[in-house]
Each structure stands twice: as C-alpha cells, then as structure tokens.
N, C-alpha and C. Protein backbone atom coordinates (compact mmCIF):
# COMPACT_ATOMS: atom_id res chain seq x y z
N MET A 1 39.11 6.14 53.08
CA MET A 1 38.50 5.74 54.34
C MET A 1 38.23 6.99 55.19
N THR A 2 37.10 6.98 55.86
CA THR A 2 36.81 8.07 56.79
C THR A 2 37.46 7.75 58.12
N GLY A 3 37.49 8.73 58.99
CA GLY A 3 38.08 8.53 60.31
C GLY A 3 39.47 9.14 60.38
N PRO A 4 40.08 9.02 61.56
CA PRO A 4 41.39 9.63 61.78
C PRO A 4 42.47 9.09 60.85
N ALA A 5 43.36 9.97 60.43
CA ALA A 5 44.52 9.57 59.63
C ALA A 5 45.56 8.90 60.52
N LEU A 6 45.56 9.30 61.80
CA LEU A 6 46.56 8.80 62.75
C LEU A 6 45.97 8.86 64.15
N ILE A 7 46.15 7.77 64.90
CA ILE A 7 45.73 7.72 66.30
C ILE A 7 46.96 7.36 67.12
N LEU A 8 47.23 8.16 68.16
CA LEU A 8 48.37 7.90 69.03
C LEU A 8 47.88 7.33 70.36
N VAL A 9 48.54 6.26 70.81
CA VAL A 9 48.25 5.65 72.10
C VAL A 9 49.54 5.56 72.90
N GLY A 10 49.39 5.46 74.22
CA GLY A 10 50.54 5.34 75.10
C GLY A 10 50.16 5.83 76.48
N PRO A 11 51.05 5.61 77.44
CA PRO A 11 50.74 6.03 78.81
C PRO A 11 50.76 7.55 78.95
N PRO A 12 50.18 8.05 80.04
CA PRO A 12 50.27 9.49 80.30
C PRO A 12 51.74 9.90 80.33
N GLY A 13 52.06 11.00 79.67
CA GLY A 13 53.44 11.48 79.67
C GLY A 13 54.31 10.92 78.57
N SER A 14 53.74 10.12 77.66
CA SER A 14 54.55 9.53 76.59
C SER A 14 54.79 10.49 75.43
N GLY A 15 54.04 11.60 75.39
CA GLY A 15 54.23 12.58 74.32
C GLY A 15 53.13 12.58 73.29
N LYS A 16 52.00 11.93 73.58
CA LYS A 16 50.92 11.82 72.60
C LYS A 16 50.40 13.19 72.15
N SER A 17 50.18 14.09 73.10
CA SER A 17 49.65 15.41 72.73
C SER A 17 50.68 16.25 72.00
N THR A 18 51.91 16.25 72.49
CA THR A 18 52.98 17.03 71.86
C THR A 18 53.23 16.55 70.43
N VAL A 19 53.45 15.25 70.28
CA VAL A 19 53.76 14.69 68.95
C VAL A 19 52.51 14.75 68.07
N GLY A 20 51.35 14.55 68.66
CA GLY A 20 50.10 14.61 67.90
C GLY A 20 49.87 15.97 67.28
N ARG A 21 50.10 17.03 68.07
CA ARG A 21 49.94 18.39 67.52
C ARG A 21 50.93 18.63 66.38
N MET A 22 52.16 18.18 66.58
CA MET A 22 53.19 18.36 65.54
C MET A 22 52.83 17.58 64.28
N ALA A 23 52.35 16.34 64.45
CA ALA A 23 51.98 15.51 63.30
C ALA A 23 50.83 16.14 62.54
N ALA A 24 49.83 16.64 63.28
CA ALA A 24 48.68 17.27 62.63
C ALA A 24 49.12 18.48 61.81
N GLU A 25 50.00 19.28 62.40
CA GLU A 25 50.49 20.46 61.68
C GLU A 25 51.23 20.05 60.41
N ARG A 26 52.11 19.06 60.54
CA ARG A 26 52.90 18.59 59.39
C ARG A 26 52.01 18.01 58.30
N LEU A 27 50.93 17.31 58.71
CA LEU A 27 50.04 16.67 57.74
C LEU A 27 48.92 17.61 57.25
N GLY A 28 48.86 18.80 57.84
CA GLY A 28 47.81 19.74 57.45
C GLY A 28 46.43 19.31 57.92
N LEU A 29 46.39 18.67 59.08
CA LEU A 29 45.13 18.14 59.63
C LEU A 29 44.84 18.74 61.00
N GLU A 30 43.62 18.53 61.46
CA GLU A 30 43.22 18.96 62.79
C GLU A 30 43.77 17.98 63.83
N PHE A 31 44.06 18.49 65.02
CA PHE A 31 44.48 17.64 66.15
C PHE A 31 43.38 17.62 67.19
N ARG A 32 43.13 16.45 67.75
CA ARG A 32 42.19 16.32 68.86
C ARG A 32 42.79 15.46 69.95
N ASP A 33 42.61 15.93 71.19
CA ASP A 33 42.97 15.16 72.37
C ASP A 33 41.68 14.56 72.90
N PHE A 34 41.58 13.25 72.94
CA PHE A 34 40.34 12.57 73.32
C PHE A 34 39.88 12.94 74.73
N ASP A 35 40.81 13.24 75.62
CA ASP A 35 40.43 13.67 76.97
C ASP A 35 39.57 14.94 76.90
N ASP A 36 39.85 15.81 75.92
CA ASP A 36 39.03 17.02 75.75
C ASP A 36 37.61 16.68 75.33
N ASP A 37 37.47 15.65 74.49
CA ASP A 37 36.14 15.21 74.07
C ASP A 37 35.35 14.68 75.26
N ILE A 38 36.01 13.92 76.11
CA ILE A 38 35.35 13.39 77.31
C ILE A 38 34.90 14.54 78.21
N GLU A 39 35.78 15.52 78.39
CA GLU A 39 35.45 16.67 79.22
C GLU A 39 34.30 17.47 78.61
N ARG A 40 34.29 17.61 77.30
CA ARG A 40 33.23 18.36 76.61
C ARG A 40 31.87 17.67 76.82
N VAL A 41 31.83 16.34 76.72
CA VAL A 41 30.59 15.60 76.87
C VAL A 41 30.08 15.62 78.31
N HIS A 42 31.01 15.44 79.26
CA HIS A 42 30.61 15.28 80.67
C HIS A 42 30.73 16.54 81.51
N GLY A 43 31.50 17.52 81.04
CA GLY A 43 31.63 18.76 81.77
C GLY A 43 32.66 18.74 82.89
N ILE A 44 33.38 17.62 83.03
CA ILE A 44 34.46 17.56 84.03
C ILE A 44 35.64 16.80 83.43
N HIS A 45 36.83 17.05 83.98
CA HIS A 45 38.07 16.42 83.52
C HIS A 45 37.97 14.90 83.64
N ALA A 46 38.60 14.21 82.70
CA ALA A 46 38.54 12.74 82.65
C ALA A 46 38.96 12.11 83.98
N GLY A 47 40.02 12.64 84.62
CA GLY A 47 40.48 12.08 85.89
C GLY A 47 39.42 12.15 86.97
N GLU A 48 38.70 13.25 87.02
CA GLU A 48 37.61 13.41 88.00
C GLU A 48 36.44 12.50 87.65
N LEU A 49 36.21 12.32 86.36
CA LEU A 49 35.09 11.50 85.91
C LEU A 49 35.29 10.04 86.29
N VAL A 50 36.52 9.55 86.22
CA VAL A 50 36.80 8.17 86.63
C VAL A 50 36.37 7.97 88.08
N VAL A 51 36.71 8.94 88.93
CA VAL A 51 36.36 8.85 90.35
C VAL A 51 34.84 8.91 90.51
N LYS A 52 34.20 9.81 89.78
CA LYS A 52 32.75 10.01 89.91
C LYS A 52 31.96 8.79 89.42
N LEU A 53 32.32 8.26 88.25
CA LEU A 53 31.56 7.17 87.64
C LEU A 53 32.04 5.78 88.04
N GLY A 54 33.31 5.68 88.41
CA GLY A 54 33.93 4.37 88.58
C GLY A 54 34.54 3.94 87.26
N ARG A 55 35.54 3.08 87.31
CA ARG A 55 36.30 2.67 86.11
C ARG A 55 35.40 2.06 85.04
N GLU A 56 34.50 1.16 85.43
CA GLU A 56 33.69 0.44 84.44
C GLU A 56 32.77 1.39 83.66
N LYS A 57 32.03 2.23 84.35
CA LYS A 57 31.13 3.19 83.68
C LYS A 57 31.92 4.21 82.87
N PHE A 58 33.07 4.64 83.41
CA PHE A 58 33.92 5.57 82.66
C PHE A 58 34.34 4.95 81.33
N GLN A 59 34.78 3.69 81.37
CA GLN A 59 35.24 3.04 80.14
C GLN A 59 34.09 2.82 79.17
N GLU A 60 32.88 2.56 79.66
CA GLU A 60 31.72 2.46 78.77
C GLU A 60 31.51 3.79 78.05
N SER A 61 31.62 4.87 78.80
CA SER A 61 31.45 6.20 78.23
C SER A 61 32.54 6.49 77.19
N GLU A 62 33.79 6.14 77.51
CA GLU A 62 34.89 6.33 76.56
C GLU A 62 34.58 5.62 75.24
N ARG A 63 34.15 4.37 75.34
CA ARG A 63 33.88 3.58 74.14
C ARG A 63 32.77 4.22 73.32
N GLU A 64 31.69 4.67 73.98
CA GLU A 64 30.58 5.29 73.26
C GLU A 64 31.00 6.59 72.57
N ILE A 65 31.74 7.43 73.28
CA ILE A 65 32.19 8.70 72.71
C ILE A 65 33.13 8.43 71.54
N LEU A 66 34.04 7.48 71.70
CA LEU A 66 34.99 7.15 70.64
C LEU A 66 34.27 6.58 69.42
N ALA A 67 33.28 5.72 69.64
CA ALA A 67 32.53 5.13 68.53
C ALA A 67 31.84 6.21 67.70
N ASP A 68 31.35 7.26 68.36
CA ASP A 68 30.73 8.38 67.64
C ASP A 68 31.76 9.24 66.93
N LEU A 69 32.92 9.43 67.55
CA LEU A 69 33.95 10.32 67.02
C LEU A 69 34.69 9.75 65.81
N LEU A 70 35.06 8.47 65.88
CA LEU A 70 35.94 7.90 64.85
C LEU A 70 35.46 8.09 63.41
N PRO A 71 34.20 7.80 63.08
CA PRO A 71 33.81 7.95 61.67
C PRO A 71 33.77 9.40 61.19
N GLU A 72 33.61 10.34 62.10
CA GLU A 72 33.43 11.73 61.68
C GLU A 72 34.69 12.58 61.71
N PHE A 73 35.74 12.12 62.37
CA PHE A 73 36.94 12.94 62.54
C PHE A 73 38.06 12.46 61.64
N HIS A 74 38.52 13.34 60.75
CA HIS A 74 39.66 13.01 59.90
C HIS A 74 40.81 13.94 60.28
N GLY A 75 41.67 13.44 61.13
CA GLY A 75 42.79 14.24 61.61
C GLY A 75 43.70 13.35 62.43
N VAL A 76 44.37 13.95 63.40
CA VAL A 76 45.26 13.22 64.30
C VAL A 76 44.59 13.21 65.67
N LEU A 77 44.43 12.03 66.22
CA LEU A 77 43.74 11.84 67.49
C LEU A 77 44.67 11.23 68.52
N SER A 78 44.76 11.88 69.68
CA SER A 78 45.53 11.36 70.80
C SER A 78 44.55 10.78 71.81
N LEU A 79 44.65 9.49 72.08
CA LEU A 79 43.73 8.85 73.03
C LEU A 79 44.23 9.00 74.46
N GLY A 80 43.31 8.92 75.40
CA GLY A 80 43.69 8.90 76.81
C GLY A 80 44.50 7.64 77.08
N GLY A 81 45.36 7.68 78.09
CA GLY A 81 46.24 6.55 78.37
C GLY A 81 45.52 5.24 78.56
N GLY A 82 44.34 5.27 79.19
CA GLY A 82 43.61 4.03 79.45
C GLY A 82 42.58 3.68 78.40
N THR A 83 42.32 4.57 77.46
CA THR A 83 41.25 4.35 76.49
C THR A 83 41.39 3.03 75.73
N PRO A 84 42.58 2.65 75.25
CA PRO A 84 42.68 1.38 74.51
C PRO A 84 42.34 0.15 75.35
N THR A 85 42.36 0.29 76.68
CA THR A 85 42.07 -0.86 77.54
C THR A 85 40.58 -1.02 77.82
N ALA A 86 39.76 -0.07 77.39
CA ALA A 86 38.32 -0.17 77.61
C ALA A 86 37.73 -1.28 76.75
N PRO A 87 36.83 -2.08 77.30
CA PRO A 87 36.22 -3.15 76.51
C PRO A 87 35.59 -2.61 75.23
N GLY A 88 35.91 -3.27 74.12
CA GLY A 88 35.36 -2.88 72.83
C GLY A 88 36.20 -1.87 72.07
N VAL A 89 37.09 -1.17 72.74
CA VAL A 89 37.88 -0.14 72.06
C VAL A 89 38.91 -0.73 71.09
N PRO A 90 39.62 -1.80 71.45
CA PRO A 90 40.57 -2.34 70.46
C PRO A 90 39.91 -2.67 69.12
N GLU A 91 38.68 -3.18 69.16
CA GLU A 91 37.97 -3.50 67.93
C GLU A 91 37.61 -2.22 67.16
N LEU A 92 37.26 -1.16 67.88
CA LEU A 92 36.96 0.11 67.22
C LEU A 92 38.18 0.67 66.49
N LEU A 93 39.37 0.41 67.04
CA LEU A 93 40.61 0.97 66.48
C LEU A 93 41.14 0.20 65.27
N GLU A 94 40.68 -1.04 65.09
CA GLU A 94 41.24 -1.92 64.05
C GLU A 94 41.39 -1.30 62.66
N PRO A 95 40.39 -0.56 62.17
CA PRO A 95 40.54 -0.05 60.79
C PRO A 95 41.51 1.12 60.64
N TYR A 96 42.01 1.66 61.73
CA TYR A 96 42.77 2.91 61.68
C TYR A 96 44.27 2.69 61.91
N HIS A 97 45.04 3.71 61.50
CA HIS A 97 46.49 3.67 61.69
C HIS A 97 46.81 4.16 63.10
N VAL A 98 47.18 3.23 63.96
CA VAL A 98 47.45 3.51 65.38
C VAL A 98 48.95 3.34 65.63
N VAL A 99 49.54 4.31 66.33
CA VAL A 99 50.95 4.25 66.69
C VAL A 99 51.07 4.36 68.21
N PHE A 100 51.83 3.44 68.78
CA PHE A 100 52.09 3.40 70.23
C PHE A 100 53.38 4.16 70.52
N LEU A 101 53.27 5.22 71.33
CA LEU A 101 54.45 5.96 71.78
C LEU A 101 54.88 5.34 73.10
N ASP A 102 55.96 4.60 73.05
CA ASP A 102 56.46 3.84 74.20
C ASP A 102 57.49 4.67 74.97
N VAL A 103 57.44 4.55 76.27
CA VAL A 103 58.36 5.30 77.12
C VAL A 103 58.70 4.42 78.32
N ASP A 104 59.94 4.49 78.78
CA ASP A 104 60.29 3.66 79.93
C ASP A 104 59.95 4.37 81.24
N LEU A 105 59.91 3.60 82.30
CA LEU A 105 59.46 4.08 83.61
C LEU A 105 60.30 5.26 84.11
N ASP A 106 61.62 5.15 84.04
CA ASP A 106 62.48 6.23 84.53
C ASP A 106 62.23 7.53 83.78
N GLN A 107 62.02 7.43 82.48
CA GLN A 107 61.76 8.62 81.67
C GLN A 107 60.42 9.24 82.05
N LEU A 108 59.42 8.40 82.27
CA LEU A 108 58.10 8.91 82.68
C LEU A 108 58.19 9.69 83.98
N LEU A 109 58.96 9.17 84.92
CA LEU A 109 59.07 9.82 86.22
C LEU A 109 59.78 11.17 86.14
N LYS A 110 60.56 11.38 85.07
CA LYS A 110 61.26 12.65 84.88
C LYS A 110 60.38 13.70 84.21
N ARG A 111 59.28 13.25 83.58
CA ARG A 111 58.43 14.18 82.82
C ARG A 111 57.78 15.17 83.78
N GLU A 112 58.07 16.42 83.54
CA GLU A 112 57.61 17.49 84.42
C GLU A 112 56.08 17.58 84.46
N GLY A 113 55.56 17.64 85.68
CA GLY A 113 54.13 17.84 85.87
C GLY A 113 53.28 16.59 85.75
N LEU A 114 53.88 15.43 85.46
CA LEU A 114 53.09 14.22 85.26
C LEU A 114 52.28 13.87 86.51
N VAL A 115 52.92 13.91 87.67
CA VAL A 115 52.23 13.51 88.90
C VAL A 115 51.15 14.52 89.28
N THR A 116 51.41 15.80 89.07
CA THR A 116 50.39 16.80 89.40
C THR A 116 49.20 16.71 88.44
N LEU A 117 49.44 16.33 87.19
CA LEU A 117 48.35 16.14 86.24
C LEU A 117 47.56 14.87 86.53
N HIS A 118 48.20 13.89 87.12
CA HIS A 118 47.59 12.60 87.39
C HIS A 118 47.75 12.26 88.88
N PRO A 119 46.97 12.92 89.75
CA PRO A 119 47.14 12.74 91.19
C PRO A 119 46.88 11.32 91.68
N TRP A 120 46.20 10.51 90.87
CA TRP A 120 45.96 9.11 91.26
C TRP A 120 47.27 8.31 91.33
N LEU A 121 48.36 8.88 90.81
CA LEU A 121 49.66 8.21 90.90
C LEU A 121 50.22 8.23 92.32
N LEU A 122 49.72 9.14 93.14
CA LEU A 122 50.21 9.25 94.52
C LEU A 122 49.64 8.13 95.37
N PRO A 123 50.26 7.73 96.46
CA PRO A 123 51.47 8.31 97.05
C PRO A 123 52.76 7.72 96.49
N ASN A 124 52.68 6.70 95.61
CA ASN A 124 53.89 6.06 95.11
C ASN A 124 53.88 6.05 93.58
N PRO A 125 54.30 7.16 92.95
CA PRO A 125 54.24 7.24 91.49
C PRO A 125 55.00 6.11 90.79
N ARG A 126 56.16 5.73 91.30
CA ARG A 126 56.96 4.69 90.65
C ARG A 126 56.18 3.37 90.60
N ALA A 127 55.60 2.97 91.71
CA ALA A 127 54.86 1.70 91.77
C ALA A 127 53.62 1.76 90.87
N HIS A 128 52.91 2.87 90.92
CA HIS A 128 51.70 3.01 90.09
C HIS A 128 52.05 2.99 88.61
N LEU A 129 53.07 3.72 88.22
CA LEU A 129 53.46 3.76 86.81
C LEU A 129 54.00 2.42 86.33
N ARG A 130 54.76 1.73 87.18
CA ARG A 130 55.29 0.41 86.79
C ARG A 130 54.12 -0.54 86.50
N GLU A 131 53.13 -0.55 87.39
CA GLU A 131 51.96 -1.41 87.22
C GLU A 131 51.18 -1.01 85.96
N LEU A 132 51.00 0.29 85.77
CA LEU A 132 50.29 0.80 84.61
C LEU A 132 50.98 0.36 83.32
N LEU A 133 52.29 0.53 83.25
CA LEU A 133 53.04 0.13 82.05
C LEU A 133 52.96 -1.37 81.82
N ASN A 134 53.12 -2.16 82.88
CA ASN A 134 53.07 -3.61 82.74
C ASN A 134 51.71 -4.09 82.26
N THR A 135 50.66 -3.45 82.73
CA THR A 135 49.30 -3.85 82.36
C THR A 135 48.92 -3.38 80.97
N ARG A 136 49.27 -2.14 80.65
CA ARG A 136 48.80 -1.55 79.39
C ARG A 136 49.69 -1.80 78.19
N ARG A 137 50.99 -2.00 78.38
CA ARG A 137 51.90 -2.15 77.23
C ARG A 137 51.45 -3.24 76.25
N PRO A 138 51.01 -4.42 76.73
CA PRO A 138 50.55 -5.42 75.75
C PRO A 138 49.32 -4.97 74.95
N VAL A 139 48.45 -4.19 75.58
CA VAL A 139 47.26 -3.67 74.88
C VAL A 139 47.69 -2.65 73.83
N TYR A 140 48.56 -1.72 74.23
CA TYR A 140 49.05 -0.71 73.28
C TYR A 140 49.70 -1.39 72.08
N THR A 141 50.52 -2.38 72.35
CA THR A 141 51.23 -3.09 71.28
C THR A 141 50.25 -3.80 70.36
N ALA A 142 49.21 -4.40 70.94
CA ALA A 142 48.23 -5.14 70.15
C ALA A 142 47.41 -4.25 69.22
N VAL A 143 47.08 -3.04 69.66
CA VAL A 143 46.23 -2.17 68.83
C VAL A 143 47.03 -1.35 67.82
N ALA A 144 48.34 -1.30 67.98
CA ALA A 144 49.17 -0.41 67.16
C ALA A 144 49.80 -1.11 65.97
N ALA A 145 49.89 -0.38 64.86
CA ALA A 145 50.60 -0.85 63.68
C ALA A 145 52.11 -0.69 63.86
N ALA A 146 52.50 0.24 64.75
CA ALA A 146 53.92 0.52 64.97
C ALA A 146 54.12 0.99 66.40
N THR A 147 55.30 0.70 66.93
CA THR A 147 55.70 1.16 68.26
C THR A 147 56.92 2.04 68.10
N ILE A 148 56.82 3.27 68.62
CA ILE A 148 57.92 4.23 68.51
C ILE A 148 58.43 4.54 69.91
N PRO A 149 59.72 4.27 70.18
CA PRO A 149 60.27 4.63 71.50
C PRO A 149 60.43 6.15 71.62
N THR A 150 60.12 6.69 72.79
CA THR A 150 60.22 8.13 73.00
C THR A 150 61.27 8.50 74.04
N SER A 151 61.73 7.54 74.82
CA SER A 151 62.68 7.85 75.89
C SER A 151 63.98 8.42 75.34
N GLU A 152 64.46 9.49 75.98
CA GLU A 152 65.73 10.13 75.61
C GLU A 152 65.74 10.64 74.17
N ARG A 153 64.55 10.96 73.63
CA ARG A 153 64.46 11.44 72.25
C ARG A 153 63.68 12.75 72.22
N THR A 154 63.99 13.59 71.26
CA THR A 154 63.27 14.85 71.12
C THR A 154 61.92 14.59 70.44
N PRO A 155 60.95 15.48 70.65
CA PRO A 155 59.67 15.33 69.94
C PRO A 155 59.86 15.28 68.42
N GLU A 156 60.81 16.02 67.90
CA GLU A 156 61.06 16.03 66.46
C GLU A 156 61.53 14.66 65.97
N GLU A 157 62.39 14.00 66.75
CA GLU A 157 62.86 12.65 66.38
C GLU A 157 61.71 11.66 66.40
N VAL A 158 60.87 11.75 67.42
CA VAL A 158 59.72 10.86 67.53
C VAL A 158 58.76 11.12 66.37
N LEU A 159 58.50 12.39 66.09
CA LEU A 159 57.61 12.75 64.98
C LEU A 159 58.10 12.14 63.67
N ALA A 160 59.38 12.25 63.39
CA ALA A 160 59.92 11.70 62.14
C ALA A 160 59.62 10.21 62.03
N ASP A 161 59.79 9.48 63.13
CA ASP A 161 59.51 8.04 63.13
C ASP A 161 58.02 7.76 62.97
N VAL A 162 57.19 8.56 63.63
CA VAL A 162 55.74 8.38 63.51
C VAL A 162 55.30 8.60 62.07
N LEU A 163 55.76 9.69 61.47
CA LEU A 163 55.38 10.00 60.09
C LEU A 163 55.87 8.94 59.12
N ALA A 164 57.01 8.32 59.43
CA ALA A 164 57.54 7.27 58.55
C ALA A 164 56.66 6.02 58.56
N THR A 165 55.80 5.87 59.58
CA THR A 165 54.90 4.70 59.65
C THR A 165 53.62 4.91 58.86
N MET A 166 53.37 6.14 58.44
CA MET A 166 52.09 6.45 57.79
C MET A 166 51.94 5.69 56.47
N PRO A 167 50.78 5.11 56.25
CA PRO A 167 50.57 4.42 54.98
C PRO A 167 50.62 5.41 53.82
N VAL A 168 51.15 4.96 52.71
CA VAL A 168 51.24 5.81 51.53
C VAL A 168 49.87 5.78 50.82
N ALA A 169 49.35 6.96 50.54
CA ALA A 169 48.05 7.02 49.86
C ALA A 169 48.18 6.46 48.45
N SER A 170 47.20 5.65 48.08
CA SER A 170 47.27 5.04 46.74
C SER A 170 46.42 5.78 45.74
C-alpha cells in the first residue's frame, strides 16, 4: 500500500512530533509534521492561518492538503491536533495505520511551552484544554487503530508501545 506507514494523532503537546521523529528513525523512514506542510502551502503558521481563514476554510484547506499528501508520502506523519476533526479527514485516514497518543489534562498543562506555542489557549488554558480534549478524544479514538497513553511516560516507553501496534508486513 502507498501512503504513510504510521500516522500519529492527538492533542497539541501529546508527543506526536517527538515520538514521530523517533519512530521514523527506528523504521528507517522520513518524518513529516503536517503543520509544516500547511505552513509550506500557505506561507504562514497553522495557528495564524486559522485566524486568517476562519475554522471552516482552514479545515477545508487541511483536508485538501492531506488528500494530496497521503498517497505520495511513505513515512511517519504527525497530524495537527485538530486535523482529524476536519470534515472528510476521518474517511481519508481509514486505509492507514493511525495511532492516538492520549494525554491527560494535568500532564498537558505541565508540558513546557505548550501555551506559548498555542496562544489561543489563553486566558484560561485549563478550560480550553479540557474542552479540546472532551471534544476531540472521541474523534481521535474513532480514527485510530490503537490508543497509547503518554502521561507520566518517557518518549521511549511511548515509542515502544507505538511500534508494537505496527502491522506485520506479509
């Protein structure tokens, strides 16, 4: 099958980029952060683009960029936190091995730099993150073949669990 060998989903700060880079290295594959693809296409950071375009147009763009990327990229792909919630994206992900990196609210709030990277969490990061997790967790679970907890765990421990979910090549 063409397309990514592994796609990681989860909220901002769940470890998608860290674990994704490690998984790509271990598997001998390229790593891509989907937010970088969005920035490359539009010329501005994904967070700024949401504000500029509005949520609906931003999600349309995410779906279009992802639809073009999936068949051509064979590696490890880390999706933006909201990407799986865009209309049409869950269907695009169906043929691929998707893993949800789950993290609890308290752990997210401890992740260094999360709020500065995602200023839309202000003025109340706890309330915003709680709502985000409550809204997105069912979507992440629905699109993923496996859910790996990341709270209170090292990236190496998470990586081992992620790699254990990989389908065995026949």
